PDB file of N, CA and C in Angstrom:
ATOM      1  N   UNK A   1     -29.581  14.727   5.754  1.00  0.00           N
ATOM      2  CA  UNK A   1     -28.464  14.259   5.561  1.00  0.00           C
ATOM      3  C   UNK A   1     -27.029  15.202   5.614  1.00  0.00           C
ATOM      4  N   UNK A   2     -25.911  14.792   6.424  1.00  0.00           N
ATOM      5  CA  UNK A   2     -25.144  15.621   6.536  1.00  0.00           C
ATOM      6  C   UNK A   2     -24.186  15.599   5.378  1.00  0.00           C
ATOM      7  N   UNK A   3     -23.588  16.790   4.991  1.00  0.00           N
ATOM      8  CA  UNK A   3     -22.735  16.963   3.853  1.00  0.00           C
ATOM      9  C   UNK A   3     -21.377  16.889   4.532  1.00  0.00           C
ATOM     10  N   UNK A   4     -20.436  15.997   3.970  1.00  0.00           N
ATOM     11  CA  UNK A   4     -19.159  16.221   4.599  1.00  0.00           C
ATOM     12  C   UNK A   4     -18.307  17.099   3.416  1.00  0.00           C
ATOM     13  N   UNK A   5     -17.583  18.131   4.177  1.00  0.00           N
ATOM     14  CA  UNK A   5     -16.922  18.943   3.545  1.00  0.00           C
ATOM     15  C   UNK A   5     -15.289  18.805   3.515  1.00  0.00           C
ATOM     16  N   UNK A   6     -14.718  18.910   2.571  1.00  0.00           N
ATOM     17  CA  UNK A   6     -13.160  18.389   2.833  1.00  0.00           C
ATOM     18  C   UNK A   6     -12.315  19.743   3.090  1.00  0.00           C
ATOM     19  N   UNK A   7     -12.123  19.896   4.385  1.00  0.00           N
ATOM     20  CA  UNK A   7     -11.352  21.192   4.627  1.00  0.00           C
ATOM     21  C   UNK A   7      -9.919  20.888   4.879  1.00  0.00           C
ATOM     22  N   UNK A   8      -9.122  21.752   5.775  1.00  0.00           N
ATOM     23  CA  UNK A   8      -7.782  21.364   5.718  1.00  0.00           C
ATOM     24  C   UNK A   8      -7.400  20.149   6.583  1.00  0.00           C
ATOM     25  N   UNK A   9      -8.564  19.822   8.070  1.00  0.00           N
ATOM     26  CA  UNK A   9      -8.317  18.374   8.556  1.00  0.00           C
ATOM     27  C   UNK A   9      -8.771  17.479   7.616  1.00  0.00           C
ATOM     28  N   UNK A  10      -9.895  17.623   6.667  1.00  0.00           N
ATOM     29  CA  UNK A  10      -9.801  16.462   6.116  1.00  0.00           C
ATOM     30  C   UNK A  10      -8.960  16.367   4.852  1.00  0.00           C
ATOM     31  N   UNK A  11      -8.647  17.058   4.143  1.00  0.00           N
ATOM     32  CA  UNK A  11      -7.442  16.699   3.078  1.00  0.00           C
ATOM     33  C   UNK A  11      -5.989  16.409   3.913  1.00  0.00           C
ATOM     34  N   UNK A  12      -5.674  16.689   5.148  1.00  0.00           N
ATOM     35  CA  UNK A  12      -4.625  16.186   5.946  1.00  0.00           C
ATOM     36  C   UNK A  12      -4.881  14.543   6.223  1.00  0.00           C
ATOM     37  N   UNK A  13      -5.727  14.303   6.673  1.00  0.00           N
ATOM     38  CA  UNK A  13      -6.505  12.836   7.321  1.00  0.00           C
ATOM     39  C   UNK A  13      -6.191  12.153   5.495  1.00  0.00           C
ATOM     40  N   UNK A  14      -6.771  12.624   4.584  1.00  0.00           N
ATOM     41  CA  UNK A  14      -6.636  11.902   3.504  1.00  0.00           C
ATOM     42  C   UNK A  14      -5.103  11.701   2.961  1.00  0.00           C
ATOM     43  N   UNK A  15      -4.525  12.808   2.845  1.00  0.00           N
ATOM     44  CA  UNK A  15      -3.122  12.997   2.483  1.00  0.00           C
ATOM     45  C   UNK A  15      -2.260  11.855   3.658  1.00  0.00           C
ATOM     46  N   UNK A  16      -2.539  11.744   4.473  1.00  0.00           N
ATOM     47  CA  UNK A  16      -1.955  10.631   5.532  1.00  0.00           C
ATOM     48  C   UNK A  16      -2.476   9.439   5.217  1.00  0.00           C
ATOM     49  N   UNK A  17      -3.318   8.888   5.000  1.00  0.00           N
ATOM     50  CA  UNK A  17      -3.992   7.710   4.065  1.00  0.00           C
ATOM     51  C   UNK A  17      -3.275   7.399   3.036  1.00  0.00           C
ATOM     52  N   UNK A  18      -3.293   8.284   2.213  1.00  0.00           N
ATOM     53  CA  UNK A  18      -2.634   8.082   0.839  1.00  0.00           C
ATOM     54  C   UNK A  18      -1.287   7.825   0.943  1.00  0.00           C
ATOM     55  N   UNK A  19      -0.640   8.574   1.415  1.00  0.00           N
ATOM     56  CA  UNK A  19       0.982   8.255   2.133  1.00  0.00           C
ATOM     57  C   UNK A  19       0.841   6.999   2.414  1.00  0.00           C
ATOM     58  N   UNK A  20       0.565   6.363   3.533  1.00  0.00           N
ATOM     59  CA  UNK A  20       0.548   5.206   4.259  1.00  0.00           C
ATOM     60  C   UNK A  20       0.072   4.142   3.320  1.00  0.00           C
ATOM     61  N   UNK A  21      -1.016   4.002   2.422  1.00  0.00           N
ATOM     62  CA  UNK A  21      -1.193   3.434   1.548  1.00  0.00           C
ATOM     63  C   UNK A  21       0.084   2.747   0.349  1.00  0.00           C
ATOM     64  N   UNK A  22       0.508   4.073  -0.229  1.00  0.00           N
ATOM     65  CA  UNK A  22       1.571   3.876  -1.026  1.00  0.00           C
ATOM     66  C   UNK A  22       3.018   3.624  -0.099  1.00  0.00           C
ATOM     67  N   UNK A  23       3.078   3.982   1.152  1.00  0.00           N
ATOM     68  CA  UNK A  23       4.452   3.362   1.462  1.00  0.00           C
ATOM     69  C   UNK A  23       4.372   1.908   1.963  1.00  0.00           C
ATOM     70  N   UNK A  24       3.047   1.346   2.177  1.00  0.00           N
ATOM     71  CA  UNK A  24       2.929  -0.224   2.443  1.00  0.00           C
ATOM     72  C   UNK A  24       2.984  -0.671   1.334  1.00  0.00           C
ATOM     73  N   UNK A  25       2.844  -0.088   0.014  1.00  0.00           N
ATOM     74  CA  UNK A  25       2.914  -0.948  -1.270  1.00  0.00           C
ATOM     75  C   UNK A  25       3.936  -1.015  -1.865  1.00  0.00           C
ATOM     76  N   UNK A  26       5.062   0.224  -1.641  1.00  0.00           N
ATOM     77  CA  UNK A  26       6.162   0.055  -2.088  1.00  0.00           C
ATOM     78  C   UNK A  26       7.210  -0.599  -1.632  1.00  0.00           C
ATOM     79  N   UNK A  27       7.023  -0.804  -0.326  1.00  0.00           N
ATOM     80  CA  UNK A  27       8.028  -1.732   0.636  1.00  0.00           C
ATOM     81  C   UNK A  27       8.200  -3.149   0.297  1.00  0.00           C
ATOM     82  N   UNK A  28       9.121  -3.538  -0.091  1.00  0.00           N
ATOM     83  CA  UNK A  28       9.530  -4.649  -0.028  1.00  0.00           C
ATOM     84  C   UNK A  28       9.159  -5.628   0.946  1.00  0.00           C
ATOM     85  N   UNK A  29       8.550  -6.941   0.851  1.00  0.00           N
ATOM     86  CA  UNK A  29       7.962  -7.798   1.732  1.00  0.00           C
ATOM     87  C   UNK A  29       9.312  -8.002   3.134  1.00  0.00           C
ATOM     88  N   UNK A  30      10.446  -8.195   2.743  1.00  0.00           N
ATOM     89  CA  UNK A  30      11.686  -8.152   3.702  1.00  0.00           C
ATOM     90  C   UNK A  30      11.740  -6.873   4.352  1.00  0.00           C
ATOM     91  N   UNK A  31      11.159  -5.945   4.375  1.00  0.00           N
ATOM     92  CA  UNK A  31      11.357  -5.165   4.987  1.00  0.00           C
ATOM     93  C   UNK A  31      10.323  -4.519   6.038  1.00  0.00           C
ATOM     94  N   UNK A  32       9.470  -5.168   6.208  1.00  0.00           N
ATOM     95  CA  UNK A  32       8.294  -5.051   6.805  1.00  0.00           C
ATOM     96  C   UNK A  32       8.282  -5.367   7.998  1.00  0.00           C
ATOM     97  N   UNK A  33       7.576  -4.654   8.993  1.00  0.00           N
ATOM     98  CA  UNK A  33       7.544  -5.346  10.502  1.00  0.00           C
ATOM     99  C   UNK A  33       7.294  -6.584  10.563  1.00  0.00           C
ATOM    100  N   UNK A  34       5.886  -6.952   9.681  1.00  0.00           N
ATOM    101  CA  UNK A  34       5.155  -8.080  10.102  1.00  0.00           C
ATOM    102  C   UNK A  34       6.395  -9.605   9.299  1.00  0.00           C
ATOM    103  N   UNK A  35       7.095  -9.340   8.116  1.00  0.00           N
ATOM    104  CA  UNK A  35       7.976  -9.969   7.937  1.00  0.00           C
ATOM    105  C   UNK A  35       9.166 -10.533   9.247  1.00  0.00           C
ATOM    106  N   UNK A  36       9.503  -9.350   9.818  1.00  0.00           N
ATOM    107  CA  UNK A  36      10.353  -9.398  10.950  1.00  0.00           C
ATOM    108  C   UNK A  36      10.114 -10.159  12.056  1.00  0.00           C
ATOM    109  N   UNK A  37       8.383 -10.224  12.141  1.00  0.00           N
ATOM    110  CA  UNK A  37       8.289 -10.633  13.361  1.00  0.00           C
ATOM    111  C   UNK A  37       7.552 -12.055  12.811  1.00  0.00           C
ATOM    112  N   UNK A  38       7.984 -12.572  11.698  1.00  0.00           N
ATOM    113  CA  UNK A  38       7.112 -13.963  11.330  1.00  0.00           C
ATOM    114  C   UNK A  38       5.828 -13.996  11.104  1.00  0.00           C
ATOM    115  N   UNK A  39       4.852 -12.925  10.698  1.00  0.00           N
ATOM    116  CA  UNK A  39       3.625 -13.089  10.251  1.00  0.00           C
ATOM    117  C   UNK A  39       3.708 -13.412   8.702  1.00  0.00           C
ATOM    118  N   UNK A  40       4.257 -12.637   8.045  1.00  0.00           N
ATOM    119  CA  UNK A  40       4.347 -13.385   6.510  1.00  0.00           C
ATOM    120  C   UNK A  40       5.830 -13.663   6.207  1.00  0.00           C
ATOM    121  N   UNK A  41       5.793 -14.449   5.000  1.00  0.00           N
ATOM    122  CA  UNK A  41       7.117 -14.892   4.476  1.00  0.00           C
ATOM    123  C   UNK A  41       7.677 -14.162   3.492  1.00  0.00           C
ATOM    124  N   UNK A  42       8.490 -13.988   2.957  1.00  0.00           N
ATOM    125  CA  UNK A  42       9.392 -13.145   1.772  1.00  0.00           C
ATOM    126  C   UNK A  42       8.340 -13.050   0.618  1.00  0.00           C
ATOM    127  N   UNK A  43       7.489 -13.584   0.207  1.00  0.00           N
ATOM    128  CA  UNK A  43       6.438 -13.626  -0.689  1.00  0.00           C
ATOM    129  C   UNK A  43       5.363 -12.941  -0.426  1.00  0.00           C
ATOM    130  N   UNK A  44       5.187 -12.548   1.218  1.00  0.00           N
ATOM    131  CA  UNK A  44       3.851 -12.184   1.476  1.00  0.00           C
ATOM    132  C   UNK A  44       2.783 -13.030   1.756  1.00  0.00           C
ATOM    133  N   UNK A  45       3.403 -14.128   1.751  1.00  0.00           N
ATOM    134  CA  UNK A  45       2.364 -14.835   2.155  1.00  0.00           C
ATOM    135  C   UNK A  45       1.740 -15.144   3.593  1.00  0.00           C
ATOM    136  N   UNK A  46       0.763 -15.174   4.155  1.00  0.00           N
ATOM    137  CA  UNK A  46       0.371 -15.033   5.721  1.00  0.00           C
ATOM    138  C   UNK A  46       0.824 -16.362   6.325  1.00  0.00           C
ATOM    139  N   UNK A  47       1.509 -16.403   7.143  1.00  0.00           N
ATOM    140  CA  UNK A  47       1.931 -17.515   8.373  1.00  0.00           C
ATOM    141  C   UNK A  47       1.378 -17.466   9.225  1.00  0.00           C
ATOM    142  N   UNK A  48       0.801 -16.438  10.173  1.00  0.00           N
ATOM    143  CA  UNK A  48       0.044 -16.374  11.347  1.00  0.00           C
ATOM    144  C   UNK A  48      -1.641 -15.700  10.859  1.00  0.00           C
ATOM    145  N   UNK A  49      -2.576 -16.278  11.303  1.00  0.00           N
ATOM    146  CA  UNK A  49      -3.858 -15.632  11.315  1.00  0.00           C
ATOM    147  C   UNK A  49      -3.863 -14.253  12.131  1.00  0.00           C
ATOM    148  N   UNK A  50      -4.440 -13.734  12.012  1.00  0.00           N
ATOM    149  CA  UNK A  50      -4.615 -12.393  12.965  1.00  0.00           C
ATOM    150  C   UNK A  50      -5.359 -12.432  14.025  1.00  0.00           C
ATOM    151  N   UNK A  51      -6.112 -13.565  14.491  1.00  0.00           N
ATOM    152  CA  UNK A  51      -6.584 -13.961  15.877  1.00  0.00           C
ATOM    153  C   UNK A  51      -5.408 -14.695  16.426  1.00  0.00           C
ATOM    154  N   UNK A  52      -4.606 -15.165  15.906  1.00  0.00           N
ATOM    155  CA  UNK A  52      -3.437 -15.662  16.888  1.00  0.00           C
ATOM    156  C   UNK A  52      -2.179 -14.770  17.202  1.00  0.00           C
ATOM    157  N   UNK A  53      -2.342 -13.576  16.889  1.00  0.00           N
ATOM    158  CA  UNK A  53      -1.325 -12.690  17.302  1.00  0.00           C
ATOM    159  C   UNK A  53      -1.895 -11.932  18.740  1.00  0.00           C
ATOM    160  N   UNK A  54      -1.031 -12.156  19.436  1.00  0.00           N
ATOM    161  CA  UNK A  54      -1.030 -11.740  21.003  1.00  0.00           C
ATOM    162  C   UNK A  54      -0.222 -10.348  21.184  1.00  0.00           C
ATOM    163  N   UNK A  55       0.678  -9.995  20.726  1.00  0.00           N
ATOM    164  CA  UNK A  55       1.626  -8.666  21.188  1.00  0.00           C
ATOM    165  C   UNK A  55       0.744  -7.621  20.513  1.00  0.00           C
ATOM    166  N   UNK A  56       1.045  -6.419  21.230  1.00  0.00           N
ATOM    167  CA  UNK A  56       0.689  -5.093  20.298  1.00  0.00           C
ATOM    168  C   UNK A  56       1.227  -4.977  19.080  1.00  0.00           C
ATOM    169  N   UNK A  57       2.732  -5.257  19.244  1.00  0.00           N
ATOM    170  CA  UNK A  57       3.696  -4.723  17.886  1.00  0.00           C
ATOM    171  C   UNK A  57       3.093  -5.819  16.660  1.00  0.00           C
ATOM    172  N   UNK A  58       2.755  -6.821  17.117  1.00  0.00           N
ATOM    173  CA  UNK A  58       2.158  -8.082  16.060  1.00  0.00           C
ATOM    174  C   UNK A  58       0.921  -7.305  15.493  1.00  0.00           C
ATOM    175  N   UNK A  59       0.066  -6.711  16.201  1.00  0.00           N
ATOM    176  CA  UNK A  59      -1.463  -6.268  15.891  1.00  0.00           C
ATOM    177  C   UNK A  59      -0.821  -4.770  14.964  1.00  0.00           C
ATOM    178  N   UNK A  60      -0.219  -4.219  15.509  1.00  0.00           N
ATOM    179  CA  UNK A  60       0.137  -2.945  14.883  1.00  0.00           C
ATOM    180  C   UNK A  60       0.804  -3.224  13.370  1.00  0.00           C
ATOM    181  N   UNK A  61       1.569  -4.270  13.208  1.00  0.00           N
ATOM    182  CA  UNK A  61       2.525  -4.736  11.995  1.00  0.00           C
ATOM    183  C   UNK A  61       1.562  -5.356  11.110  1.00  0.00           C
ATOM    184  N   UNK A  62       0.020  -5.918  11.508  1.00  0.00           N
ATOM    185  CA  UNK A  62      -0.710  -6.680  10.463  1.00  0.00           C
ATOM    186  C   UNK A  62      -2.198  -6.155  10.603  1.00  0.00           C
ATOM    187  N   UNK A  63      -2.540  -4.746  10.131  1.00  0.00           N
ATOM    188  CA  UNK A  63      -3.917  -4.043  10.317  1.00  0.00           C
ATOM    189  C   UNK A  63      -4.604  -4.423   9.075  1.00  0.00           C
ATOM    190  N   UNK A  64      -6.022  -4.187   9.129  1.00  0.00           N
ATOM    191  CA  UNK A  64      -6.869  -4.228   8.146  1.00  0.00           C
ATOM    192  C   UNK A  64      -6.100  -3.446   7.026  1.00  0.00           C
ATOM    193  N   UNK A  65      -5.688  -2.364   6.987  1.00  0.00           N
ATOM    194  CA  UNK A  65      -5.038  -1.569   6.096  1.00  0.00           C
ATOM    195  C   UNK A  65      -3.999  -2.517   5.281  1.00  0.00           C
ATOM    196  N   UNK A  66      -3.076  -3.127   6.148  1.00  0.00           N
ATOM    197  CA  UNK A  66      -2.053  -4.011   5.412  1.00  0.00           C
ATOM    198  C   UNK A  66      -2.489  -4.889   4.670  1.00  0.00           C
ATOM    199  N   UNK A  67      -3.508  -5.407   5.260  1.00  0.00           N
ATOM    200  CA  UNK A  67      -4.252  -6.415   4.751  1.00  0.00           C
ATOM    201  C   UNK A  67      -4.739  -6.260   3.228  1.00  0.00           C
ATOM    202  N   UNK A  68      -5.307  -5.222   3.371  1.00  0.00           N
ATOM    203  CA  UNK A  68      -5.836  -4.833   1.599  1.00  0.00           C
ATOM    204  C   UNK A  68      -4.860  -4.475   0.809  1.00  0.00           C
ATOM    205  N   UNK A  69      -3.988  -3.530   1.416  1.00  0.00           N
ATOM    206  CA  UNK A  69      -2.781  -2.973   0.410  1.00  0.00           C
ATOM    207  C   UNK A  69      -1.992  -4.627   0.078  1.00  0.00           C
ATOM    208  N   UNK A  70      -1.667  -5.269   1.007  1.00  0.00           N
ATOM    209  CA  UNK A  70      -0.840  -6.556   0.599  1.00  0.00           C
ATOM    210  C   UNK A  70      -1.508  -7.370  -0.279  1.00  0.00           C
ATOM    211  N   UNK A  71      -2.807  -7.781  -0.377  1.00  0.00           N
ATOM    212  CA  UNK A  71      -3.523  -8.313  -1.436  1.00  0.00           C
ATOM    213  C   UNK A  71      -3.523  -7.430  -2.659  1.00  0.00           C
ATOM    214  N   UNK A  72      -3.636  -6.224  -2.592  1.00  0.00           N
ATOM    215  CA  UNK A  72      -3.454  -5.929  -4.125  1.00  0.00           C
ATOM    216  C   UNK A  72      -1.992  -5.668  -4.573  1.00  0.00           C
ATOM    217  N   UNK A  73      -1.162  -5.888  -3.742  1.00  0.00           N
ATOM    218  CA  UNK A  73       0.200  -5.916  -4.074  1.00  0.00           C
ATOM    219  C   UNK A  73       0.676  -7.489  -4.444  1.00  0.00           C
ATOM    220  N   UNK A  74       0.009  -8.298  -4.217  1.00  0.00           N
ATOM    221  CA  UNK A  74      -0.181  -9.599  -4.478  1.00  0.00           C
ATOM    222  C   UNK A  74      -0.826 -10.050  -5.769  1.00  0.00           C
ATOM    223  N   UNK A  75      -1.951  -9.489  -5.790  1.00  0.00           N
ATOM    224  CA  UNK A  75      -2.403  -9.444  -7.130  1.00  0.00           C
ATOM    225  C   UNK A  75      -1.597  -8.956  -8.279  1.00  0.00           C
ATOM    226  N   UNK A  76      -0.796  -8.039  -8.327  1.00  0.00           N
ATOM    227  CA  UNK A  76       0.098  -7.233  -9.075  1.00  0.00           C
ATOM    228  C   UNK A  76       0.908  -7.838  -9.412  1.00  0.00           C
ATOM    229  N   UNK A  77       1.780  -8.598  -8.294  1.00  0.00           N
ATOM    230  CA  UNK A  77       3.005  -9.421  -8.709  1.00  0.00           C
ATOM    231  C   UNK A  77       2.531 -10.768  -9.591  1.00  0.00           C
ATOM    232  N   UNK A  78       1.332 -11.077  -9.432  1.00  0.00           N
ATOM    233  CA  UNK A  78       1.086 -12.254 -10.624  1.00  0.00           C
ATOM    234  C   UNK A  78       1.200 -11.818 -11.893  1.00  0.00           C
ATOM    235  N   UNK A  79       0.995 -10.389 -12.507  1.00  0.00           N
ATOM    236  CA  UNK A  79       1.472  -9.615 -13.660  1.00  0.00           C
ATOM    237  C   UNK A  79       2.922  -9.621 -13.925  1.00  0.00           C
ATOM    238  N   UNK A  80       3.366 -10.194 -15.146  1.00  0.00           N
ATOM    239  CA  UNK A  80       4.603 -10.053 -15.991  1.00  0.00           C
ATOM    240  C   UNK A  80       5.234  -8.612 -15.135  1.00  0.00           C
ATOM    241  N   UNK A  81       6.683  -9.033 -14.750  1.00  0.00           N
ATOM    242  CA  UNK A  81       7.320  -7.612 -14.255  1.00  0.00           C
ATOM    243  C   UNK A  81       6.586  -7.011 -13.194  1.00  0.00           C
ATOM    244  N   UNK A  82       5.815  -7.669 -12.363  1.00  0.00           N
ATOM    245  CA  UNK A  82       5.049  -6.939 -10.999  1.00  0.00           C
ATOM    246  C   UNK A  82       5.758  -7.323  -9.880  1.00  0.00           C
ATOM    247  N   UNK A  83       6.883  -7.915  -9.945  1.00  0.00           N
ATOM    248  CA  UNK A  83       7.410  -7.946  -8.493  1.00  0.00           C
ATOM    249  C   UNK A  83       8.636  -7.018  -8.426  1.00  0.00           C
ATOM    250  N   UNK A  84       8.932  -6.342  -9.803  1.00  0.00           N
ATOM    251  CA  UNK A  84      10.042  -5.183  -9.537  1.00  0.00           C
ATOM    252  C   UNK A  84       9.790  -4.094  -8.588  1.00  0.00           C
ATOM    253  N   UNK A  85      10.555  -3.573  -8.098  1.00  0.00           N
ATOM    254  CA  UNK A  85      10.435  -2.451  -7.428  1.00  0.00           C
ATOM    255  C   UNK A  85      10.008  -1.145  -8.041  1.00  0.00           C
ATOM    256  N   UNK A  86      10.436  -1.191  -9.515  1.00  0.00           N
ATOM    257  CA  UNK A  86       9.723  -0.249 -10.305  1.00  0.00           C
ATOM    258  C   UNK A  86       8.342  -0.125 -10.739  1.00  0.00           C
ATOM    259  N   UNK A  87       7.773  -1.363 -10.546  1.00  0.00           N
ATOM    260  CA  UNK A  87       6.282  -1.950 -11.271  1.00  0.00           C
ATOM    261  C   UNK A  87       5.397  -0.998  -9.976  1.00  0.00           C
ATOM    262  N   UNK A  88       6.146  -1.435  -8.406  1.00  0.00           N
ATOM    263  CA  UNK A  88       5.426  -0.708  -7.266  1.00  0.00           C
ATOM    264  C   UNK A  88       5.327   0.767  -7.488  1.00  0.00           C
ATOM    265  N   UNK A  89       6.335   1.604  -7.818  1.00  0.00           N
ATOM    266  CA  UNK A  89       6.629   2.959  -8.154  1.00  0.00           C
ATOM    267  C   UNK A  89       5.716   3.405  -9.299  1.00  0.00           C
ATOM    268  N   UNK A  90       5.303   2.311 -10.006  1.00  0.00           N
ATOM    269  CA  UNK A  90       4.564   2.824 -11.396  1.00  0.00           C
ATOM    270  C   UNK A  90       3.398   3.043 -11.155  1.00  0.00           C
ATOM    271  N   UNK A  91       2.737   1.782 -10.078  1.00  0.00           N
ATOM    272  CA  UNK A  91       1.186   1.423  -9.573  1.00  0.00           C
ATOM    273  C   UNK A  91       1.164   2.938  -9.052  1.00  0.00           C
ATOM    274  N   UNK A  92       1.768   3.151  -8.291  1.00  0.00           N
ATOM    275  CA  UNK A  92       1.709   4.194  -7.063  1.00  0.00           C
ATOM    276  C   UNK A  92       1.467   5.529  -7.903  1.00  0.00           C
ATOM    277  N   UNK A  93       2.176   5.788  -8.496  1.00  0.00           N
ATOM    278  CA  UNK A  93       2.147   7.162  -9.693  1.00  0.00           C
ATOM    279  C   UNK A  93       0.620   6.961 -10.220  1.00  0.00           C
ATOM    280  N   UNK A  94       0.365   5.586 -10.687  1.00  0.00           N
ATOM    281  CA  UNK A  94      -0.901   5.849 -11.618  1.00  0.00           C
ATOM    282  C   UNK A  94      -1.971   5.952 -10.483  1.00  0.00           C
ATOM    283  N   UNK A  95      -1.822   5.248  -9.443  1.00  0.00           N
ATOM    284  CA  UNK A  95      -3.186   5.572  -8.380  1.00  0.00           C
ATOM    285  C   UNK A  95      -3.256   6.905  -7.998  1.00  0.00           C
ATOM    286  N   UNK A  96      -2.064   7.654  -7.936  1.00  0.00           N
ATOM    287  CA  UNK A  96      -2.327   9.074  -7.900  1.00  0.00           C
ATOM    288  C   UNK A  96      -2.394  10.196  -8.816  1.00  0.00           C
ATOM    289  N   UNK A  97      -2.296   9.736  -9.825  1.00  0.00           N
ATOM    290  CA  UNK A  97      -2.136  10.839 -11.102  1.00  0.00           C
ATOM    291  C   UNK A  97      -3.210  11.331 -11.079  1.00  0.00           C
ATOM    292  N   UNK A  98      -4.590  10.820 -10.927  1.00  0.00           N
ATOM    293  CA  UNK A  98      -5.912  11.693 -10.836  1.00  0.00           C
ATOM    294  C   UNK A  98      -5.924  12.742  -9.661  1.00  0.00           C
ATOM    295  N   UNK A  99      -5.440  12.412  -8.649  1.00  0.00           N
ATOM    296  CA  UNK A  99      -5.620  13.009  -7.554  1.00  0.00           C
ATOM    297  C   UNK A  99      -4.712  14.721  -7.825  1.00  0.00           C
ATOM    298  N   UNK A 100      -3.484  14.447  -8.814  1.00  0.00           N
ATOM    299  CA  UNK A 100      -2.605  15.448  -9.016  1.00  0.00           C
ATOM    300  C   UNK A 100      -3.032  16.111 -10.318  1.00  0.00           C
ATOM    301  N   UNK A 101      -4.217  15.805 -10.853  1.00  0.00           N
ATOM    302  CA  UNK A 101      -4.772  16.488 -12.134  1.00  0.00           C
ATOM    303  C   UNK A 101      -3.836  16.524 -13.368  1.00  0.00           C
ATOM    304  N   UNK A 102      -3.158  15.040 -13.491  1.00  0.00           N
ATOM    305  CA  UNK A 102      -1.984  14.977 -14.381  1.00  0.00           C
ATOM    306  C   UNK A 102      -2.481  15.017 -15.651  1.00  0.00           C
ATOM    307  N   UNK A 103      -2.378  15.987 -16.666  1.00  0.00           N
ATOM    308  CA  UNK A 103      -2.741  16.175 -17.890  1.00  0.00           C
ATOM    309  C   UNK A 103      -2.142  15.401 -19.335  1.00  0.00           C
ATOM    310  N   UNK A 104      -0.992  14.798 -18.735  1.00  0.00           N
ATOM    311  CA  UNK A 104      -0.182  14.247 -19.899  1.00  0.00           C
ATOM    312  C   UNK A 104      -0.339  12.735 -20.154  1.00  0.00           C
ATOM    313  N   UNK A 105      -0.156  11.921 -21.102  1.00  0.00           N
ATOM    314  CA  UNK A 105      -0.532  10.821 -21.479  1.00  0.00           C
ATOM    315  C   UNK A 105       0.292   9.667 -20.402  1.00  0.00           C
ATOM    316  N   UNK A 106      -0.037   8.202 -20.896  1.00  0.00           N
ATOM    317  CA  UNK A 106       0.443   7.341 -20.069  1.00  0.00           C
ATOM    318  C   UNK A 106       1.596   7.245 -20.322  1.00  0.00           C
ATOM    319  N   UNK A 107       2.531   7.586 -21.309  1.00  0.00           N
ATOM    320  CA  UNK A 107       3.584   7.387 -21.970  1.00  0.00           C
ATOM    321  C   UNK A 107       4.568   8.103 -21.012  1.00  0.00           C
ATOM    322  N   UNK A 108       4.217   9.717 -20.745  1.00  0.00           N
ATOM    323  CA  UNK A 108       5.089  10.613 -20.205  1.00  0.00           C
ATOM    324  C   UNK A 108       4.960  10.174 -18.875  1.00  0.00           C
ATOM    325  N   UNK A 109       3.832   9.372 -17.971  1.00  0.00           N
ATOM    326  CA  UNK A 109       3.808   9.089 -16.775  1.00  0.00           C
ATOM    327  C   UNK A 109       4.985   7.497 -16.803  1.00  0.00           C
ATOM    328  N   UNK A 110       4.859   6.994 -17.510  1.00  0.00           N
ATOM    329  CA  UNK A 110       5.806   5.746 -17.444  1.00  0.00           C
ATOM    330  C   UNK A 110       7.467   6.457 -17.382  1.00  0.00           C
ATOM    331  N   UNK A 111       7.642   7.539 -18.104  1.00  0.00           N
ATOM    332  CA  UNK A 111       8.855   7.937 -18.361  1.00  0.00           C
ATOM    333  C   UNK A 111       9.268   8.781 -17.209  1.00  0.00           C
ATOM    334  N   UNK A 112       8.303   9.029 -16.339  1.00  0.00           N
ATOM    335  CA  UNK A 112       8.880  10.009 -15.177  1.00  0.00           C
ATOM    336  C   UNK A 112       9.380   9.125 -13.847  1.00  0.00           C
TER     337      UNK A 112
END
């Protein structure tokens, strides 16, 4: 079995995907390309299925990663105060706090 080692290239790829994930998570629905192309509405509800998308820019605005992050975002919005921009940033910080070895408590994280 091959052992995968995280070198500079692997760390760079991981950083790129984390950045993209957090960027999609914190972007308001109205500012997404999918909203501008009529694929989703202002609440993130899917208006057009993936198989009906024909143009390249439509397919790039609605990838598997977008669907994954948007499902998580819609789930977070069901929680009280989950629709606020601050909640999106707090969730993003919570998701990356282990990666950066944050040794404080959750109260300190909420204050930052």
